Amino acid sequence: MSKTVLTDKTVFEITRFTTLDYANNLACILWFSKCNMACQYCYNADIVRGIGRYTNQEILDFLKSRVGKLTGVVLSGGECTLYPHLIELCEEIKELGFKIKIDTNGLRPDVLQELIDFSLVDFIALDYKAPSYKFYEITNNNSNEKFYKTLDMLIDKEFPFEVRTTVHSHLLESKDINQIILDLKERKYRGTYYLQNFLHVENTLGNLDIPSVSIDKKLLLDDIPIEVRN
């Protein structure tokens, strides 16, 4: 494949070091600008609304300086799968010897399929935003069938991935989370389901208040393994 366009500016910010975002790896995070959702609880409003500030040449120069120091690169956002030269960029990251983790909303199943087929991604974190009856309300996008296509594809391929949901009590109640749990069980998801408490910042896309309650695991079904983060 051809090399990526070195002058493209698609990455809004770089987190130069993290031990939390890619399990068992020392990693950095590339935060891609733009998104095909507008989730009310999104705390990356500047990234979603902004434009890229780093060229691919700058990204690759940074990664070259981290060879032997980091083991992984997390592609997050925004939504990294919107970038039209993502395949080529991942090829170059792989050539440097890094593992790649992708954080995604799952609305570009064909892109993810291609990345997997070319062995250009090692792990995927898939955001299950809401049950189907609340999907548009929370994401301002009605393409939930594309999300389910991605979910089923990852399950069928037995690809290393996790499913996670960000929970704000004004948006998702325990009955909604239980509906997701039942859906994951029916689709034969075999991993751990991660729940993340909403991180309050001032300029979320939906200008949400601090949630009234946090996740209470006692109210949730135990049909699949569940872990609460933060």
Protein backbone atom coordinates (compact mmCIF):
# COMPACT_ATOMS: atom_id res chain seq x y z
CA MET A 1 0.00 0.00 0.00
CA SER A 2 1.05 3.62 -0.49
CA LYS A 3 2.53 5.67 2.32
CA THR A 4 0.23 7.95 4.25
CA VAL A 5 0.05 11.64 3.39
CA LEU A 6 2.71 13.17 5.64
CA THR A 7 1.19 16.66 5.52
CA ASP A 8 -2.28 15.56 6.68
CA LYS A 9 -3.31 17.11 9.98
CA THR A 10 -5.81 14.81 11.66
CA VAL A 11 -4.50 14.40 15.21
CA PHE A 12 -5.67 17.07 17.63
CA GLU A 13 -3.52 16.10 20.62
CA ILE A 14 -0.94 13.56 21.76
CA THR A 15 -0.80 12.02 25.22
CA ARG A 16 2.85 11.10 25.33
CA PHE A 17 2.70 8.43 28.02
CA THR A 18 0.01 6.33 29.67
CA THR A 19 -0.06 3.13 31.70
CA LEU A 20 -3.86 3.08 31.94
CA ASP A 21 -5.27 3.12 28.41
CA TYR A 22 -3.72 -0.03 26.95
CA ALA A 23 -3.52 -2.91 29.39
CA ASN A 24 -0.05 -4.42 29.87
CA ASN A 25 1.53 -1.82 27.62
CA LEU A 26 3.35 1.45 28.01
CA ALA A 27 1.62 3.56 25.41
CA CYS A 28 0.87 6.95 23.97
CA ILE A 29 -2.51 8.19 22.72
CA LEU A 30 -3.20 9.91 19.40
CA TRP A 31 -6.43 11.91 19.71
CA PHE A 32 -8.02 12.24 16.26
CA SER A 33 -10.24 15.23 15.59
CA LYS A 34 -13.86 15.00 14.43
CA CYS A 35 -16.52 12.39 15.15
CA ASN A 36 -19.62 10.93 13.51
CA MET A 37 -21.48 11.09 16.83
CA ALA A 38 -22.29 13.94 19.21
CA CYS A 39 -22.74 12.11 22.52
CA GLN A 40 -24.18 14.30 25.23
CA TYR A 41 -21.65 13.14 27.82
CA CYS A 42 -18.59 13.55 25.57
CA TYR A 43 -15.84 15.36 27.47
CA ASN A 44 -13.65 15.71 24.36
CA ALA A 45 -15.71 18.55 22.90
CA ASP A 46 -12.63 20.46 21.76
CA ILE A 47 -11.38 17.39 19.91
CA VAL A 48 -14.75 16.60 18.29
CA ARG A 49 -15.29 20.20 17.19
CA GLY A 50 -11.66 21.00 16.45
CA ILE A 51 -9.29 20.39 13.57
CA GLY A 52 -6.06 18.43 13.48
CA ARG A 53 -2.94 20.17 14.77
CA TYR A 54 -0.24 17.54 14.10
CA THR A 55 0.90 16.39 10.68
CA ASN A 56 1.52 12.71 10.09
CA GLN A 57 5.22 13.55 9.71
CA GLU A 58 5.21 15.05 13.21
CA ILE A 59 3.36 12.01 14.56
CA LEU A 60 5.81 9.58 12.99
CA ASP A 61 8.81 11.62 14.15
CA PHE A 62 7.41 11.50 17.70
CA LEU A 63 6.81 7.75 17.50
CA LYS A 64 10.31 7.13 16.16
CA SER A 65 11.64 8.90 19.26
CA ARG A 66 9.64 6.47 21.43
CA VAL A 67 10.87 3.22 19.86
CA GLY A 68 12.22 1.05 22.67
CA LYS A 69 10.48 3.20 25.29
CA LEU A 70 6.82 2.50 24.49
CA THR A 71 5.18 -0.72 23.35
CA GLY A 72 1.76 0.51 22.22
CA VAL A 73 -0.08 3.29 20.43
CA VAL A 74 -3.73 4.06 21.17
CA LEU A 75 -5.76 5.63 18.37
CA SER A 76 -8.64 7.52 19.96
CA GLY A 77 -10.66 10.67 19.44
CA GLY A 78 -13.04 11.85 18.24
CA GLU A 79 -13.31 8.86 15.96
CA CYS A 80 -10.08 7.67 14.36
CA THR A 81 -11.80 5.45 11.78
CA LEU A 82 -13.04 8.55 9.95
CA TYR A 83 -9.50 9.30 8.79
CA PRO A 84 -9.31 8.19 5.12
CA HIS A 85 -5.61 7.20 5.34
CA LEU A 86 -5.88 5.25 8.60
CA ILE A 87 -4.75 1.99 6.99
CA GLU A 88 -1.56 3.56 5.69
CA LEU A 89 -0.85 5.30 9.00
CA CYS A 90 -1.29 2.03 10.90
CA GLU A 91 1.11 0.34 8.48
CA GLU A 92 3.77 2.90 9.33
CA ILE A 93 3.12 2.60 13.06
CA LYS A 94 3.43 -1.17 12.77
CA GLU A 95 6.71 -0.84 10.85
CA LEU A 96 8.10 0.92 13.93
CA GLY A 97 7.24 -2.15 16.02
CA PHE A 98 4.32 -0.83 18.07
CA LYS A 99 1.14 -2.63 19.01
CA ILE A 100 -2.02 -0.71 18.11
CA LYS A 101 -5.18 -0.32 20.14
CA ILE A 102 -8.21 1.44 18.65
CA ASP A 103 -10.96 3.18 20.62
CA THR A 104 -14.06 3.31 18.42
CA ASN A 105 -17.81 3.79 18.35
CA GLY A 106 -18.05 1.00 15.78
CA LEU A 107 -19.81 2.93 13.02
CA ARG A 108 -17.15 2.08 10.43
CA PRO A 109 -17.26 -1.74 10.40
CA ASP A 110 -15.65 -2.00 6.95
CA VAL A 111 -12.63 0.01 8.11
CA LEU A 112 -12.23 -2.14 11.21
CA GLN A 113 -12.62 -5.29 9.13
CA GLU A 114 -9.80 -4.15 6.83
CA LEU A 115 -7.52 -3.28 9.75
CA ILE A 116 -8.07 -6.73 11.22
CA ASP A 117 -7.61 -8.51 7.89
CA PHE A 118 -4.25 -6.75 7.35
CA SER A 119 -3.15 -7.39 10.98
CA LEU A 120 -2.91 -3.65 11.61
CA VAL A 121 -4.71 -3.59 14.96
CA ASP A 122 -4.07 -5.68 18.07
CA PHE A 123 -6.92 -4.67 20.36
CA ILE A 124 -10.19 -2.75 20.03
CA ALA A 125 -12.18 -0.95 22.71
CA LEU A 126 -15.77 -0.74 21.44
CA ASP A 127 -18.12 1.82 22.95
CA TYR A 128 -21.65 0.47 23.39
CA LYS A 129 -23.31 3.85 23.75
CA ALA A 130 -26.87 2.84 24.58
CA PRO A 131 -29.58 0.26 23.90
CA SER A 132 -31.21 0.70 20.51
CA TYR A 133 -34.21 2.61 21.87
CA LYS A 134 -31.92 5.31 23.34
CA PHE A 135 -29.15 5.26 20.74
CA TYR A 136 -30.17 8.40 18.85
CA GLU A 137 -31.11 10.29 22.00
CA ILE A 138 -27.61 9.89 23.40
CA THR A 139 -25.45 9.92 20.25
CA ASN A 140 -27.39 12.11 17.81
CA ASN A 141 -26.77 9.39 15.24
CA ASN A 142 -29.21 6.74 14.02
CA SER A 143 -26.64 4.30 12.57
CA ASN A 144 -26.87 1.79 15.41
CA GLU A 145 -27.11 -1.12 12.93
CA LYS A 146 -23.53 -0.36 11.85
CA PHE A 147 -22.48 -0.62 15.49
CA TYR A 148 -24.16 -4.03 15.80
CA LYS A 149 -22.44 -5.15 12.61
CA THR A 150 -19.08 -4.30 14.17
CA LEU A 151 -19.98 -6.00 17.45
CA ASP A 152 -21.07 -9.21 15.72
CA MET A 153 -18.00 -9.19 13.49
CA LEU A 154 -15.61 -8.92 16.44
CA ILE A 155 -17.44 -11.67 18.33
CA ASP A 156 -17.51 -13.98 15.29
CA LYS A 157 -13.79 -13.45 14.62
CA GLU A 158 -12.94 -13.94 18.31
CA PHE A 159 -10.81 -10.82 17.97
CA PRO A 160 -9.28 -9.36 21.17
CA PHE A 161 -11.63 -6.57 22.20
CA GLU A 162 -13.64 -5.15 25.05
CA VAL A 163 -17.07 -3.57 25.26
CA ARG A 164 -17.56 -0.52 27.44
CA THR A 165 -20.31 1.95 28.26
CA THR A 166 -20.06 5.41 29.79
CA VAL A 167 -22.86 5.91 32.29
CA HIS A 168 -24.50 9.19 33.29
CA SER A 169 -27.52 8.59 35.50
CA HIS A 170 -29.54 11.28 33.70
CA LEU A 171 -29.14 9.34 30.44
CA LEU A 172 -28.86 5.65 31.31
CA GLU A 173 -30.62 3.86 34.15
CA SER A 174 -29.95 0.37 35.48
CA LYS A 175 -32.74 -1.02 33.26
CA ASP A 176 -30.93 0.35 30.20
CA ILE A 177 -27.63 -1.20 31.25
CA ASN A 178 -29.41 -4.49 31.90
CA GLN A 179 -30.80 -4.37 28.36
CA ILE A 180 -27.25 -4.03 27.03
CA ILE A 181 -26.14 -6.94 29.22
CA LEU A 182 -28.91 -9.13 27.83
CA ASP A 183 -28.03 -8.14 24.28
CA LEU A 184 -24.35 -8.95 24.81
CA LYS A 185 -25.28 -12.32 26.30
CA GLU A 186 -27.57 -13.11 23.35
CA ARG A 187 -24.82 -12.20 20.89
CA LYS A 188 -22.45 -14.50 22.83
CA TYR A 189 -20.00 -11.84 23.91
CA ARG A 190 -17.40 -13.65 26.01
CA GLY A 191 -15.37 -10.82 27.48
CA THR A 192 -15.78 -8.49 30.43
CA TYR A 193 -18.28 -5.66 30.09
CA TYR A 194 -16.76 -2.43 31.41
CA LEU A 195 -18.87 0.37 32.86
CA GLN A 196 -17.36 3.82 33.17
CA ASN A 197 -18.77 6.53 35.40
CA PHE A 198 -19.23 9.82 33.61
CA LEU A 199 -16.27 12.18 33.95
CA HIS A 200 -17.62 15.64 34.72
CA VAL A 201 -16.03 18.58 32.93
CA GLU A 202 -17.47 21.99 32.16
CA ASN A 203 -17.87 21.76 28.39
CA THR A 204 -19.36 18.37 27.58
CA LEU A 205 -21.22 18.36 24.27
CA GLY A 206 -24.54 18.15 26.11
CA ASN A 207 -23.58 20.53 28.94
CA LEU A 208 -24.54 17.87 31.47
CA ASP A 209 -24.71 18.40 35.20
CA ILE A 210 -22.93 16.17 37.68
CA PRO A 211 -24.87 12.88 37.81
CA SER A 212 -27.04 12.32 40.85
CA VAL A 213 -25.85 8.74 41.43
CA SER A 214 -23.02 6.44 40.37
CA ILE A 215 -23.24 2.91 39.04
CA ASP A 216 -24.66 0.41 41.53
CA LYS A 217 -23.66 -3.11 40.50
CA LYS A 218 -26.28 -4.60 42.83
CA LEU A 219 -28.97 -3.40 40.40
CA LEU A 220 -27.37 -5.09 37.41
CA LEU A 221 -27.77 -8.58 35.99
CA ASP A 222 -24.86 -10.96 36.48
CA ASP A 223 -25.28 -12.79 33.17
CA ILE A 224 -21.82 -11.68 31.98
CA PRO A 225 -18.69 -10.47 33.81
CA ILE A 226 -18.94 -6.77 34.70
CA GLU A 227 -16.26 -4.39 35.93
CA VAL A 228 -16.73 -0.75 36.95
CA ARG A 229 -13.96 1.68 36.11
CA ASN A 230 -13.26 5.03 37.76
